[in-house]
Protein backbone atom coordinates (compact mmCIF):
# COMPACT_ATOMS: atom_id res chain seq x y z
CA MET A 1 -10.83 -1.52 -8.36
CA ALA A 2 -7.56 0.09 -7.26
CA VAL A 3 -7.19 3.84 -7.05
CA ILE A 4 -3.74 5.15 -7.97
CA GLY A 5 -2.58 8.75 -8.04
CA LYS A 6 -0.56 11.46 -6.36
CA LEU A 7 -1.35 11.70 -2.67
CA SER A 8 -2.10 15.42 -2.99
CA SER A 9 -4.51 14.78 -5.90
CA LEU A 10 -6.43 12.17 -3.90
CA GLN A 11 -6.91 14.38 -0.84
CA GLY A 12 -10.67 14.65 -1.46
CA LEU A 13 -11.10 10.92 -0.89
CA PHE A 14 -9.96 11.37 2.71
CA SER A 15 -12.56 13.98 3.67
CA LYS A 16 -15.34 11.44 4.29
CA THR A 17 -14.53 10.67 7.94
CA GLN A 18 -12.29 11.85 10.76
CA GLU A 19 -10.37 8.55 10.63
CA LEU A 20 -9.55 9.06 6.96
CA GLU A 21 -8.54 12.66 7.60
CA ASP A 22 -6.17 11.36 10.30
CA LEU A 23 -4.80 8.84 7.78
CA TYR A 24 -4.21 11.61 5.24
CA THR A 25 -2.37 13.68 7.85
CA TYR A 26 -0.10 10.73 8.65
CA LEU A 27 0.61 10.05 4.96
CA LYS A 28 1.38 13.75 4.31
CA GLN A 29 3.77 13.82 7.28
CA VAL A 30 5.65 10.65 6.35
CA SER A 31 6.06 11.87 2.76
CA ASP A 32 7.25 15.40 3.67
CA PRO A 33 11.09 15.44 3.70
CA LYS A 34 11.01 18.26 6.28
CA HIS A 35 8.82 16.33 8.74
CA PRO A 36 10.50 14.25 11.48
CA ALA A 37 8.40 11.18 10.54
CA CYS A 38 9.82 11.23 7.02
CA GLN A 39 13.34 11.97 8.20
CA ALA A 40 13.21 8.99 10.58
CA LEU A 41 12.06 6.69 7.76
CA LEU A 42 14.76 7.92 5.37
CA GLN A 43 17.50 7.35 7.95
CA ARG A 44 16.65 3.67 8.41
CA GLN A 45 18.52 0.77 6.94
CA ALA A 46 16.61 -2.07 5.26
CA SER A 47 13.89 -3.03 7.76
CA SER A 48 10.22 -2.65 8.55
CA MET A 49 8.48 -1.11 11.52
CA VAL A 50 4.82 -1.26 12.51
CA LYS A 51 3.08 1.82 13.92
CA GLU A 52 -0.38 1.63 15.40
CA LEU A 53 -2.58 4.47 14.18
CA THR A 54 -6.12 5.41 15.22
CA ALA A 55 -9.28 3.35 14.64
CA GLY A 56 -7.52 0.01 14.12
CA MET A 57 -5.28 1.25 11.31
CA ARG A 58 -1.65 0.23 11.35
CA ALA A 59 1.20 1.55 9.26
CA ILE A 60 4.08 -0.61 8.15
CA GLU A 61 7.04 1.61 7.34
CA ILE A 62 9.27 -0.34 4.99
CA VAL A 63 12.82 0.14 3.69
CA TYR A 64 13.74 -2.69 1.31
CA THR A 65 14.61 -3.88 -2.16
CA PRO A 66 11.44 -5.57 -3.40
CA GLU A 67 11.54 -8.82 -5.33
CA LEU A 68 8.61 -10.08 -7.33
CA GLY A 69 6.49 -12.30 -5.12
CA ALA A 70 3.07 -13.89 -5.27
CA LEU A 71 0.07 -11.65 -5.78
CA GLU A 72 -1.97 -11.19 -2.61
CA THR A 73 -5.38 -9.93 -1.52
CA HIS A 74 -6.89 -9.10 1.84
CA ARG A 75 -10.47 -9.40 3.10
CA GLU A 76 -10.38 -7.42 6.34
CA HIS A 77 -8.06 -4.58 5.30
CA ILE A 78 -7.51 -2.21 2.41
CA ASP A 79 -3.87 -1.41 1.65
CA PHE A 80 -2.88 2.23 1.26
CA LEU A 81 0.59 1.95 -0.31
CA LEU A 82 2.58 5.19 -0.49
CA VAL A 83 6.04 5.37 -2.05
CA VAL A 84 8.14 7.88 -0.10
CA LEU A 85 11.44 7.50 -1.96
CA GLY A 86 12.48 5.30 -4.88
CA GLU A 87 10.62 3.59 -7.69
CA GLU A 88 8.90 0.25 -7.89
CA ILE A 89 6.51 -1.59 -10.14
CA LEU A 90 3.08 -2.56 -8.84
CA HIS A 91 1.76 -5.80 -10.34
CA LEU A 92 -2.02 -5.84 -10.23
CA ALA A 93 -4.96 -7.99 -11.32
CA ASP A 94 -8.53 -8.69 -10.30
CA LYS A 95 -8.48 -11.80 -8.15
CA THR A 96 -11.35 -13.31 -10.13
CA ASP A 97 -8.99 -13.57 -13.12
CA LEU A 98 -6.38 -15.55 -11.16
CA SER A 99 -5.81 -19.01 -9.73
CA ALA A 100 -5.34 -19.18 -5.98
CA GLN A 101 -1.87 -20.27 -4.93
CA GLU A 102 -2.48 -20.45 -1.16
CA PRO A 103 -5.94 -20.40 0.42
CA TYR A 104 -7.06 -17.53 2.61
CA ASN A 105 -5.11 -17.30 5.87
CA LEU A 106 -7.31 -15.59 8.48
CA GLU A 107 -4.38 -14.84 10.80
CA LYS A 108 -2.46 -13.01 8.06
CA ASP A 109 -5.61 -11.72 6.31
CA GLN A 110 -4.04 -12.88 3.06
CA GLU A 111 -4.74 -15.09 0.07
CA THR A 112 -2.09 -15.53 -2.63
CA TYR A 113 -2.41 -16.02 -6.38
CA GLN A 114 -0.30 -17.00 -9.36
CA HIS A 115 0.66 -14.41 -11.95
CA ASN A 116 -0.87 -14.75 -15.41
CA SER A 117 -1.20 -12.78 -18.64
CA LEU A 118 -4.10 -10.70 -17.23
CA CYS A 119 -1.82 -8.99 -14.70
CA TYR A 120 -0.72 -5.49 -15.52
CA GLN A 121 2.08 -3.32 -14.24
CA VAL A 122 1.95 0.22 -12.90
CA PRO A 123 5.17 2.15 -12.20
CA LEU A 124 5.13 3.88 -8.81
CA HIS A 125 7.43 6.69 -7.72
CA ALA A 126 7.69 8.99 -4.72
CA GLY A 127 4.40 10.66 -3.90
CA LEU A 128 2.19 8.08 -5.60
CA LEU A 129 -0.47 6.34 -3.53
CA ALA A 130 -2.11 3.04 -4.47
CA ILE A 131 -5.33 2.16 -2.65
CA LEU A 132 -5.80 -1.58 -3.04
CA PHE A 133 -9.23 -3.07 -2.36
CA PRO A 134 -10.18 -6.68 -1.53
CA ASN A 135 -10.41 -7.76 -5.19
CA ASP A 136 -7.06 -6.18 -6.12
CA ALA A 137 -4.42 -8.90 -6.18
CA HIS A 138 -1.10 -7.11 -5.89
CA THR A 139 2.65 -7.34 -5.37
CA THR A 140 5.61 -5.10 -6.12
CA GLU A 141 9.13 -5.36 -7.48
CA ALA A 142 12.00 -2.93 -7.85
CA LYS A 143 12.04 -0.76 -10.95
CA LYS A 144 15.80 -0.24 -10.64
CA PRO A 145 18.48 -1.23 -8.13
CA GLY A 146 18.41 0.42 -4.72
CA LEU A 147 16.29 0.71 -1.64
CA ILE A 148 12.62 1.65 -1.70
CA TYR A 149 11.17 3.67 1.18
CA LYS A 150 7.44 3.24 1.50
CA VAL A 151 4.52 2.94 3.86
CA VAL A 152 1.69 0.43 3.67
CA VAL A 153 -1.23 1.33 5.91
CA LYS A 154 -3.65 -1.49 6.69
CA VAL A 155 -7.07 0.15 6.96
CA PRO A 156 -10.02 -1.92 8.19
CA THR A 157 -12.60 -2.28 5.43
CA SER A 158 -15.26 -1.00 7.85
CA LEU A 159 -13.67 2.48 7.72
CA ILE A 160 -14.07 2.83 3.96
CA LYS A 161 -17.32 3.90 2.36
CA PHE A 162 -17.51 2.30 -1.09
CA LYS A 163 -19.04 5.33 -2.79
CA LEU A 164 -17.67 7.52 -5.56
């Protein structure tokens, strides 16, 4: 089940391991308009850039105008999606309620699904973090015209302890 909330409100979830604390530090830096990491992201034109982080995590810093695509899930990674600037709509459903569109692609760590009436929408704005687990089929689209600045960190499932 996805976890969605303000990054600052979810800080306690990152105190379980050093790797997650490092992830939180990165996310705080990239979302702080005064930090050079955030400034560099906000100065980019539409593009994406991959940054290798510690412990097999990799951040994809994205500047784009999202269009509604197929829902996707991942088996080997958990997506930590943080909106830095702009607004988008997260489309979400449990993959067990969906029909597969494309079978699992090991190289991409991705399986895609068709939208249906069981999908729901969550508006995301700057500062909101969505943690998307292997059963969370997801995609995004723009809420209004303009570029979205966000980061999606691919975190190996082995780094996450599935405990509340």
